[in-house]
Each structure stands twice: as structure tokens, then as C-alpha cells.
Amino acid sequence: MARTADIQRIHERACRRRENSYIDPVTGFFVMSAHYLRERGYCCGAGCRHCPYPPDVQASAGRPDDAPSWERKSST
């Protein structure tokens, strides 16, 4: 089973390649990359895994309080 560090590595690779998404190796879900979310230009408040916007922007956009938070080790 993939660990958080493995998923973060996959995400960072997707961002370096300027890819909009990757497939989560555990769930098979489509996950939008921080690269895509940043290029989109706004926070939708949906609680995206790799949202590049600061917590106050996410909160004002309506991010649910119970949305999981992923630690971002880099701003790729």
C-alpha cells in the first residue's frame, strides 16, 4: 500500500512535468495537481488534496472544516 510520502512523490513528479493530475495508486481516483489548481487561478473550496492556496483563502471559498489536510513539503 502506498504511503503519504509515496503519493507526495508522485504528486511532485506530476507538478514538475506540469501535468494537471495523477491517479492515486491506492484508490485509483483522479487527483488534481497543485500545478493545475494554481493555473486555474482560484480556490473552489471543495477541499482539494493539493490545494495551493493558503488556509484563509480556502476557508473563505467554503472549504469544509472536516476536509483532510495534506502536508505540502514543497510548493512545486
N, C-alpha and C. Protein backbone atom coordinates (compact mmCIF):
# COMPACT_ATOMS: atom_id res chain seq x y z
N MET A 1 0.84 -1.18 0.00
CA MET A 1 0.00 0.00 0.00
C MET A 1 0.89 1.25 0.00
N ALA A 2 0.53 2.22 -0.80
CA ALA A 2 1.32 3.44 -0.91
C ALA A 2 1.18 4.28 0.36
N ARG A 3 2.27 4.88 0.74
CA ARG A 3 2.27 5.76 1.90
C ARG A 3 2.12 7.21 1.44
N THR A 4 1.86 8.09 2.40
CA THR A 4 1.74 9.51 2.09
C THR A 4 2.98 10.01 1.36
N ALA A 5 4.16 9.58 1.78
CA ALA A 5 5.41 10.02 1.14
C ALA A 5 5.45 9.57 -0.32
N ASP A 6 4.94 8.37 -0.61
CA ASP A 6 4.91 7.88 -1.99
C ASP A 6 3.96 8.73 -2.84
N ILE A 7 2.81 9.04 -2.28
CA ILE A 7 1.83 9.84 -3.01
C ILE A 7 2.38 11.25 -3.23
N GLN A 8 3.04 11.81 -2.22
CA GLN A 8 3.63 13.14 -2.37
C GLN A 8 4.68 13.13 -3.48
N ARG A 9 5.47 12.07 -3.56
CA ARG A 9 6.49 11.95 -4.61
C ARG A 9 5.84 11.90 -6.00
N ILE A 10 4.76 11.15 -6.13
CA ILE A 10 4.03 11.07 -7.40
C ILE A 10 3.47 12.45 -7.75
N HIS A 11 2.94 13.14 -6.76
CA HIS A 11 2.39 14.48 -6.99
C HIS A 11 3.48 15.46 -7.43
N GLU A 12 4.60 15.45 -6.74
CA GLU A 12 5.69 16.36 -7.10
C GLU A 12 6.19 16.10 -8.52
N ARG A 13 6.24 14.83 -8.90
CA ARG A 13 6.65 14.50 -10.28
C ARG A 13 5.63 15.06 -11.28
N ALA A 14 4.35 14.93 -10.98
CA ALA A 14 3.32 15.46 -11.87
C ALA A 14 3.46 16.98 -12.00
N CYS A 15 3.75 17.67 -10.90
CA CYS A 15 3.91 19.13 -10.95
C CYS A 15 5.15 19.52 -11.75
N ARG A 16 6.25 18.80 -11.55
CA ARG A 16 7.47 19.10 -12.34
C ARG A 16 7.21 18.96 -13.83
N ARG A 17 6.39 17.99 -14.18
CA ARG A 17 6.06 17.76 -15.59
C ARG A 17 4.92 18.65 -16.07
N ARG A 18 4.42 19.50 -15.18
CA ARG A 18 3.30 20.41 -15.49
C ARG A 18 2.05 19.64 -15.91
N GLU A 19 1.84 18.50 -15.25
CA GLU A 19 0.67 17.68 -15.51
C GLU A 19 -0.48 18.16 -14.63
N ASN A 20 -1.68 18.06 -15.15
CA ASN A 20 -2.85 18.54 -14.43
C ASN A 20 -3.33 17.59 -13.34
N SER A 21 -2.92 16.33 -13.42
CA SER A 21 -3.44 15.36 -12.48
C SER A 21 -2.55 14.12 -12.43
N TYR A 22 -2.91 13.24 -11.51
CA TYR A 22 -2.31 11.91 -11.45
C TYR A 22 -3.37 10.96 -10.90
N ILE A 23 -3.11 9.69 -11.00
CA ILE A 23 -4.03 8.69 -10.47
C ILE A 23 -3.50 8.21 -9.12
N ASP A 24 -4.32 8.30 -8.09
CA ASP A 24 -3.92 7.86 -6.76
C ASP A 24 -3.66 6.35 -6.82
N PRO A 25 -2.47 5.90 -6.41
CA PRO A 25 -2.14 4.48 -6.52
C PRO A 25 -2.93 3.58 -5.57
N VAL A 26 -3.52 4.14 -4.55
CA VAL A 26 -4.29 3.34 -3.59
C VAL A 26 -5.74 3.22 -4.02
N THR A 27 -6.36 4.35 -4.35
CA THR A 27 -7.80 4.36 -4.63
C THR A 27 -8.13 4.28 -6.12
N GLY A 28 -7.16 4.68 -6.97
CA GLY A 28 -7.42 4.75 -8.39
C GLY A 28 -8.16 6.03 -8.79
N PHE A 29 -8.35 6.93 -7.81
CA PHE A 29 -9.04 8.19 -8.08
C PHE A 29 -8.16 9.15 -8.86
N PHE A 30 -8.80 9.99 -9.64
CA PHE A 30 -8.17 11.10 -10.35
C PHE A 30 -7.95 12.21 -9.34
N VAL A 31 -6.70 12.70 -9.23
CA VAL A 31 -6.37 13.75 -8.27
C VAL A 31 -5.76 14.92 -9.03
N MET A 32 -6.31 16.12 -8.84
CA MET A 32 -5.76 17.30 -9.50
C MET A 32 -4.48 17.74 -8.81
N SER A 33 -3.51 18.14 -9.60
CA SER A 33 -2.22 18.57 -9.06
C SER A 33 -2.28 20.03 -8.64
N ALA A 34 -1.35 20.42 -7.75
CA ALA A 34 -1.24 21.82 -7.34
C ALA A 34 -0.94 22.69 -8.56
N HIS A 35 -0.18 22.16 -9.51
CA HIS A 35 0.11 22.90 -10.74
C HIS A 35 -1.19 23.31 -11.42
N TYR A 36 -2.08 22.37 -11.62
CA TYR A 36 -3.36 22.66 -12.27
C TYR A 36 -4.19 23.65 -11.45
N LEU A 37 -4.27 23.39 -10.15
CA LEU A 37 -5.11 24.24 -9.29
C LEU A 37 -4.59 25.67 -9.26
N ARG A 38 -3.28 25.84 -9.26
CA ARG A 38 -2.68 27.18 -9.29
C ARG A 38 -2.96 27.86 -10.63
N GLU A 39 -2.79 27.12 -11.72
CA GLU A 39 -3.03 27.66 -13.06
C GLU A 39 -4.50 28.03 -13.26
N ARG A 40 -5.40 27.31 -12.60
CA ARG A 40 -6.83 27.61 -12.71
C ARG A 40 -7.11 29.00 -12.19
N GLY A 41 -6.36 29.41 -11.15
CA GLY A 41 -6.43 30.79 -10.70
C GLY A 41 -7.33 31.12 -9.53
N TYR A 42 -7.99 30.13 -8.97
CA TYR A 42 -8.84 30.40 -7.81
C TYR A 42 -9.07 29.12 -7.02
N CYS A 43 -9.42 29.29 -5.76
CA CYS A 43 -9.76 28.15 -4.91
C CYS A 43 -11.27 27.95 -4.98
N CYS A 44 -11.68 26.72 -5.26
CA CYS A 44 -13.11 26.42 -5.38
C CYS A 44 -13.74 26.06 -4.03
N GLY A 45 -12.91 25.81 -3.01
CA GLY A 45 -13.43 25.48 -1.69
C GLY A 45 -13.88 24.05 -1.52
N ALA A 46 -13.57 23.18 -2.48
CA ALA A 46 -14.03 21.79 -2.41
C ALA A 46 -13.17 20.90 -1.51
N GLY A 47 -12.04 21.42 -1.04
CA GLY A 47 -11.17 20.61 -0.19
C GLY A 47 -10.20 19.76 -0.98
N CYS A 48 -9.72 20.26 -2.09
CA CYS A 48 -8.79 19.52 -2.95
C CYS A 48 -7.53 19.11 -2.17
N ARG A 49 -7.07 17.92 -2.42
CA ARG A 49 -5.92 17.35 -1.72
C ARG A 49 -4.69 18.24 -1.78
N HIS A 50 -4.39 18.80 -2.92
CA HIS A 50 -3.16 19.56 -3.10
C HIS A 50 -3.43 21.05 -3.33
N CYS A 51 -4.48 21.58 -2.73
CA CYS A 51 -4.82 22.99 -2.92
C CYS A 51 -3.62 23.87 -2.56
N PRO A 52 -3.17 24.73 -3.49
CA PRO A 52 -2.00 25.56 -3.24
C PRO A 52 -2.32 26.87 -2.52
N TYR A 53 -3.59 27.12 -2.23
CA TYR A 53 -3.99 28.38 -1.63
C TYR A 53 -3.90 28.32 -0.11
N PRO A 54 -3.61 29.47 0.53
CA PRO A 54 -3.48 29.49 1.99
C PRO A 54 -4.81 29.16 2.68
N PRO A 55 -4.72 28.70 3.93
CA PRO A 55 -5.93 28.30 4.66
C PRO A 55 -7.03 29.35 4.71
N ASP A 56 -6.67 30.63 4.85
CA ASP A 56 -7.70 31.66 4.93
C ASP A 56 -8.46 31.80 3.61
N VAL A 57 -7.77 31.64 2.49
CA VAL A 57 -8.41 31.71 1.18
C VAL A 57 -9.32 30.49 1.00
N GLN A 58 -8.82 29.31 1.41
CA GLN A 58 -9.63 28.10 1.31
C GLN A 58 -10.90 28.22 2.16
N ALA A 59 -10.75 28.75 3.37
CA ALA A 59 -11.91 28.90 4.26
C ALA A 59 -12.93 29.86 3.68
N SER A 60 -12.47 30.98 3.13
CA SER A 60 -13.42 31.95 2.57
C SER A 60 -14.09 31.41 1.30
N ALA A 61 -13.44 30.44 0.63
CA ALA A 61 -14.04 29.82 -0.56
C ALA A 61 -15.03 28.73 -0.18
N GLY A 62 -15.06 28.36 1.12
CA GLY A 62 -16.02 27.38 1.59
C GLY A 62 -15.48 25.98 1.82
N ARG A 63 -14.15 25.84 1.93
CA ARG A 63 -13.57 24.51 2.20
C ARG A 63 -14.19 23.94 3.48
N PRO A 64 -14.68 22.72 3.43
CA PRO A 64 -15.27 22.10 4.62
C PRO A 64 -14.24 21.97 5.74
N ASP A 65 -14.66 22.22 6.97
CA ASP A 65 -13.76 22.12 8.11
C ASP A 65 -13.20 20.72 8.27
N ASP A 66 -13.96 19.71 7.84
CA ASP A 66 -13.52 18.33 8.02
C ASP A 66 -12.76 17.77 6.81
N ALA A 67 -12.46 18.62 5.83
CA ALA A 67 -11.69 18.14 4.66
C ALA A 67 -10.28 17.80 5.12
N PRO A 68 -9.76 16.64 4.71
CA PRO A 68 -8.41 16.26 5.13
C PRO A 68 -7.38 17.26 4.63
N SER A 69 -6.34 17.43 5.39
CA SER A 69 -5.28 18.35 5.02
C SER A 69 -4.01 17.55 4.76
N TRP A 70 -3.40 17.79 3.61
CA TRP A 70 -2.15 17.12 3.26
C TRP A 70 -1.01 18.07 3.49
N GLU A 71 0.00 17.59 4.17
CA GLU A 71 1.17 18.42 4.40
C GLU A 71 1.91 18.58 3.08
N ARG A 72 2.17 19.84 2.70
CA ARG A 72 2.93 20.10 1.47
C ARG A 72 4.37 20.36 1.85
N LYS A 73 5.26 19.53 1.36
CA LYS A 73 6.67 19.68 1.67
C LYS A 73 7.36 20.66 0.74
N SER A 74 6.76 20.93 -0.40
CA SER A 74 7.33 21.90 -1.33
C SER A 74 6.19 22.58 -2.05
N SER A 75 6.49 23.67 -2.69
CA SER A 75 5.44 24.40 -3.40
C SER A 75 5.52 24.16 -4.89
N THR A 76 5.91 22.97 -5.29
CA THR A 76 6.03 22.63 -6.70
C THR A 76 4.72 22.71 -7.41
